[in-house]
Amino acid sequence: MAADDAYTASKRVLTPWPVRYLLWERDAFNYWQSSSRIFVKQTFGRFVGRWGILWKPLGFSLPVVTRTLRICAKLHNFLIERASCNVESPLQDDVAEGSGEVHLQGDCDLDETRRNRNRASEKFPLRVAMTRELKLSGMRRPA
């Protein structure tokens, strides 16, 4: 899973290299890794704009949240195929009547050791391997 630097790199979570003193291959990795995250953020942005259930934090168990997101995705795709959804109307309603609550990642991350970690030392094999592949193929950040 591609994540931003708020998360800890692991076997299953791919985070960018820390920004200080980047070699070109690490900069290239950060660019391509960020590009994959942007696509996911845009997708969730569309879901949130379309489905009011996502306008507030979901207070369900992980299996229920997963099922809810899967149903939202299927309905989203159905409506795109039918071209019958007006995204502007729900957004205007939310601006007028929404709670305006914002939940930041920092408010949820109460584990002090994770917040104060040394990200430069997080050299997990997947990130190292993908960086090496970019270097070997000569892939760089576009100019």
C-alpha atoms as a PDB file:
ATOM      1  CA  MET A   1       0.000   0.000   0.000  1.00  0.00           C
ATOM      2  CA  ALA A   2       1.384   3.412  -0.944  1.00  0.00           C
ATOM      3  CA  ALA A   3       1.236   5.803   2.026  1.00  0.00           C
ATOM      4  CA  ASP A   4       2.576   9.248   2.847  1.00  0.00           C
ATOM      5  CA  ASP A   5       5.299   9.969   5.380  1.00  0.00           C
ATOM      6  CA  ALA A   6       2.807  10.158   8.272  1.00  0.00           C
ATOM      7  CA  TYR A   7       2.912   6.351   8.296  1.00  0.00           C
ATOM      8  CA  THR A   8       5.738   4.007   9.197  1.00  0.00           C
ATOM      9  CA  ALA A   9       7.278   2.015   6.350  1.00  0.00           C
ATOM     10  CA  SER A  10       6.813  -1.732   6.686  1.00  0.00           C
ATOM     11  CA  LYS A  11       6.585  -4.890   4.601  1.00  0.00           C
ATOM     12  CA  ARG A  12       3.137  -3.825   3.379  1.00  0.00           C
ATOM     13  CA  VAL A  13       3.255  -0.020   3.647  1.00  0.00           C
ATOM     14  CA  LEU A  14       5.411   1.833   1.138  1.00  0.00           C
ATOM     15  CA  THR A  15       6.365   5.350   2.272  1.00  0.00           C
ATOM     16  CA  PRO A  16       8.601   7.964   0.611  1.00  0.00           C
ATOM     17  CA  TRP A  17      12.239   8.437   1.506  1.00  0.00           C
ATOM     18  CA  PRO A  18      12.846  11.313   3.928  1.00  0.00           C
ATOM     19  CA  VAL A  19      13.286  14.577   2.033  1.00  0.00           C
ATOM     20  CA  ARG A  20      16.744  15.580   3.288  1.00  0.00           C
ATOM     21  CA  TYR A  21      19.763  14.995   1.032  1.00  0.00           C
ATOM     22  CA  LEU A  22      18.048  12.815  -1.535  1.00  0.00           C
ATOM     23  CA  LEU A  23      20.041  11.025  -4.184  1.00  0.00           C
ATOM     24  CA  TRP A  24      18.447  11.223  -7.627  1.00  0.00           C
ATOM     25  CA  GLU A  25      17.169   7.637  -7.483  1.00  0.00           C
ATOM     26  CA  ARG A  26      15.442   8.271  -4.134  1.00  0.00           C
ATOM     27  CA  ASP A  27      13.952  11.476  -5.525  1.00  0.00           C
ATOM     28  CA  ALA A  28      12.657   9.487  -8.513  1.00  0.00           C
ATOM     29  CA  PHE A  29      11.170   6.877  -6.177  1.00  0.00           C
ATOM     30  CA  ASN A  30       9.415   9.606  -4.150  1.00  0.00           C
ATOM     31  CA  TYR A  31       7.992  11.129  -7.330  1.00  0.00           C
ATOM     32  CA  TRP A  32       6.557   7.856  -8.674  1.00  0.00           C
ATOM     33  CA  GLN A  33       5.342   6.732  -5.247  1.00  0.00           C
ATOM     34  CA  SER A  34       3.590  10.088  -4.771  1.00  0.00           C
ATOM     35  CA  SER A  35       1.981   9.781  -8.209  1.00  0.00           C
ATOM     36  CA  SER A  36       0.333   6.522  -7.193  1.00  0.00           C
ATOM     37  CA  ARG A  37      -0.990   8.093  -3.961  1.00  0.00           C
ATOM     38  CA  ILE A  38      -2.492  11.054  -5.840  1.00  0.00           C
ATOM     39  CA  PHE A  39      -4.680   8.726  -7.907  1.00  0.00           C
ATOM     40  CA  VAL A  40      -6.039   7.104  -4.733  1.00  0.00           C
ATOM     41  CA  LYS A  41      -6.667  10.518  -3.099  1.00  0.00           C
ATOM     42  CA  GLN A  42      -8.596  11.681  -6.160  1.00  0.00           C
ATOM     43  CA  THR A  43     -10.715   8.544  -6.057  1.00  0.00           C
ATOM     44  CA  PHE A  44     -11.563   9.019  -2.387  1.00  0.00           C
ATOM     45  CA  GLY A  45     -12.262  12.695  -3.068  1.00  0.00           C
ATOM     46  CA  ARG A  46     -14.908  11.660  -5.596  1.00  0.00           C
ATOM     47  CA  PHE A  47     -16.400   9.165  -3.145  1.00  0.00           C
ATOM     48  CA  VAL A  48     -16.598  11.733  -0.359  1.00  0.00           C
ATOM     49  CA  GLY A  49     -18.206  14.273  -2.681  1.00  0.00           C
ATOM     50  CA  ARG A  50     -20.815  11.780  -3.806  1.00  0.00           C
ATOM     51  CA  TRP A  51     -21.653   9.773  -0.670  1.00  0.00           C
ATOM     52  CA  GLY A  52     -22.861  11.589   2.433  1.00  0.00           C
ATOM     53  CA  ILE A  53     -22.029   8.631   4.666  1.00  0.00           C
ATOM     54  CA  LEU A  54     -18.348   9.547   4.141  1.00  0.00           C
ATOM     55  CA  TRP A  55     -18.757  13.192   5.228  1.00  0.00           C
ATOM     56  CA  LYS A  56     -18.090  12.199   8.846  1.00  0.00           C
ATOM     57  CA  PRO A  57     -15.801   9.578  10.407  1.00  0.00           C
ATOM     58  CA  LEU A  58     -17.202   6.067  10.057  1.00  0.00           C
ATOM     59  CA  GLY A  59     -17.737   4.615  13.517  1.00  0.00           C
ATOM     60  CA  PHE A  60     -17.870   0.990  12.391  1.00  0.00           C
ATOM     61  CA  SER A  61     -15.598  -2.030  12.640  1.00  0.00           C
ATOM     62  CA  LEU A  62     -13.008  -2.501   9.888  1.00  0.00           C
ATOM     63  CA  PRO A  63     -15.010  -5.248   8.091  1.00  0.00           C
ATOM     64  CA  VAL A  64     -18.095  -2.987   7.985  1.00  0.00           C
ATOM     65  CA  VAL A  65     -16.038  -0.007   6.742  1.00  0.00           C
ATOM     66  CA  THR A  66     -14.494  -2.211   4.049  1.00  0.00           C
ATOM     67  CA  ARG A  67     -17.924  -3.429   2.956  1.00  0.00           C
ATOM     68  CA  THR A  68     -19.278   0.135   2.976  1.00  0.00           C
ATOM     69  CA  LEU A  69     -16.442   1.403   0.758  1.00  0.00           C
ATOM     70  CA  ARG A  70     -16.884  -1.545  -1.617  1.00  0.00           C
ATOM     71  CA  ILE A  71     -20.605  -0.779  -1.943  1.00  0.00           C
ATOM     72  CA  CYS A  72     -19.850   2.929  -2.516  1.00  0.00           C
ATOM     73  CA  ALA A  73     -17.393   1.943  -5.269  1.00  0.00           C
ATOM     74  CA  LYS A  74     -19.905  -0.349  -6.975  1.00  0.00           C
ATOM     75  CA  LEU A  75     -22.647   2.276  -6.847  1.00  0.00           C
ATOM     76  CA  HIS A  76     -20.183   4.927  -8.043  1.00  0.00           C
ATOM     77  CA  ASN A  77     -19.251   2.811 -11.057  1.00  0.00           C
ATOM     78  CA  PHE A  78     -22.912   2.042 -11.771  1.00  0.00           C
ATOM     79  CA  LEU A  79     -23.767   5.762 -11.756  1.00  0.00           C
ATOM     80  CA  ILE A  80     -20.810   6.618 -13.992  1.00  0.00           C
ATOM     81  CA  GLU A  81     -21.981   4.004 -16.493  1.00  0.00           C
ATOM     82  CA  ARG A  82     -25.502   5.462 -16.377  1.00  0.00           C
ATOM     83  CA  ALA A  83     -24.177   9.073 -16.273  1.00  0.00           C
ATOM     84  CA  SER A  84     -26.985   9.951 -13.896  1.00  0.00           C
ATOM     85  CA  CYS A  85     -25.326  11.514 -10.868  1.00  0.00           C
ATOM     86  CA  ASN A  86     -25.045  15.201 -10.028  1.00  0.00           C
ATOM     87  CA  VAL A  87     -22.104  15.614  -7.624  1.00  0.00           C
ATOM     88  CA  GLU A  88     -22.643  19.372  -7.132  1.00  0.00           C
ATOM     89  CA  SER A  89     -25.973  19.041  -5.311  1.00  0.00           C
ATOM     90  CA  PRO A  90     -24.694  16.961  -2.354  1.00  0.00           C
ATOM     91  CA  LEU A  91     -21.656  19.223  -2.005  1.00  0.00           C
ATOM     92  CA  GLN A  92     -23.836  22.345  -1.813  1.00  0.00           C
ATOM     93  CA  ASP A  93     -26.065  20.687   0.780  1.00  0.00           C
ATOM     94  CA  ASP A  94     -23.044  19.745   2.892  1.00  0.00           C
ATOM     95  CA  VAL A  95     -21.626  23.274   2.787  1.00  0.00           C
ATOM     96  CA  ALA A  96     -24.960  24.626   3.992  1.00  0.00           C
ATOM     97  CA  GLU A  97     -25.729  22.046   6.676  1.00  0.00           C
ATOM     98  CA  GLY A  98     -22.527  20.079   7.367  1.00  0.00           C
ATOM     99  CA  SER A  99     -20.817  20.008  10.744  1.00  0.00           C
ATOM    100  CA  GLY A 100     -17.468  21.148   9.334  1.00  0.00           C
ATOM    101  CA  GLU A 101     -15.592  18.674  11.535  1.00  0.00           C
ATOM    102  CA  VAL A 102     -12.053  17.900  10.440  1.00  0.00           C
ATOM    103  CA  HIS A 103     -10.108  14.935  11.813  1.00  0.00           C
ATOM    104  CA  LEU A 104      -6.367  15.212  11.264  1.00  0.00           C
ATOM    105  CA  GLN A 105      -4.000  12.243  11.239  1.00  0.00           C
ATOM    106  CA  GLY A 106      -1.938  13.867  14.004  1.00  0.00           C
ATOM    107  CA  ASP A 107      -4.958  13.840  16.315  1.00  0.00           C
ATOM    108  CA  CYS A 108      -5.282  10.083  15.891  1.00  0.00           C
ATOM    109  CA  ASP A 109      -1.601   9.126  16.141  1.00  0.00           C
ATOM    110  CA  LEU A 110      -1.115   9.075  19.895  1.00  0.00           C
ATOM    111  CA  ASP A 111       1.845   6.708  19.822  1.00  0.00           C
ATOM    112  CA  GLU A 112       4.764   8.987  20.743  1.00  0.00           C
ATOM    113  CA  THR A 113       7.391   6.571  19.419  1.00  0.00           C
ATOM    114  CA  ARG A 114       5.848   6.618  15.940  1.00  0.00           C
ATOM    115  CA  ARG A 115       5.615  10.411  15.856  1.00  0.00           C
ATOM    116  CA  ASN A 116       9.252  10.900  16.880  1.00  0.00           C
ATOM    117  CA  ARG A 117      10.796   8.140  14.792  1.00  0.00           C
ATOM    118  CA  ASN A 118      13.888   8.537  12.633  1.00  0.00           C
ATOM    119  CA  ARG A 119      12.440   8.054   9.150  1.00  0.00           C
ATOM    120  CA  ALA A 120      15.895   8.170   7.558  1.00  0.00           C
ATOM    121  CA  SER A 121      16.658   4.791   9.107  1.00  0.00           C
ATOM    122  CA  GLU A 122      13.497   3.160   7.720  1.00  0.00           C
ATOM    123  CA  LYS A 123      15.135   1.227   4.880  1.00  0.00           C
ATOM    124  CA  PHE A 124      12.605  -1.482   4.250  1.00  0.00           C
ATOM    125  CA  PRO A 125      13.410  -4.036   1.537  1.00  0.00           C
ATOM    126  CA  LEU A 126      10.514  -3.175  -0.801  1.00  0.00           C
ATOM    127  CA  ARG A 127      11.374   0.535  -0.887  1.00  0.00           C
ATOM    128  CA  VAL A 128      15.083  -0.241  -1.353  1.00  0.00           C
ATOM    129  CA  ALA A 129      14.327  -2.761  -4.123  1.00  0.00           C
ATOM    130  CA  MET A 130      11.986  -0.402  -5.996  1.00  0.00           C
ATOM    131  CA  THR A 131      14.511   2.442  -5.710  1.00  0.00           C
ATOM    132  CA  ARG A 132      17.217   0.141  -7.088  1.00  0.00           C
ATOM    133  CA  GLU A 133      14.952  -0.829 -10.031  1.00  0.00           C
ATOM    134  CA  LEU A 134      14.332   2.836 -10.861  1.00  0.00           C
ATOM    135  CA  LYS A 135      18.078   3.497 -10.741  1.00  0.00           C
ATOM    136  CA  LEU A 136      18.903   0.511 -12.954  1.00  0.00           C
ATOM    137  CA  SER A 137      16.284   1.524 -15.508  1.00  0.00           C
ATOM    138  CA  GLY A 138      17.449   5.168 -15.440  1.00  0.00           C
ATOM    139  CA  MET A 139      13.974   6.418 -14.479  1.00  0.00           C
ATOM    140  CA  ARG A 140      14.093   9.946 -13.099  1.00  0.00           C
ATOM    141  CA  ARG A 141      11.601  12.533 -11.980  1.00  0.00           C
ATOM    142  CA  PRO A 142      10.270  14.313 -15.094  1.00  0.00           C
ATOM    143  CA  ALA A 143      11.814  17.740 -15.599  1.00  0.00           C
END
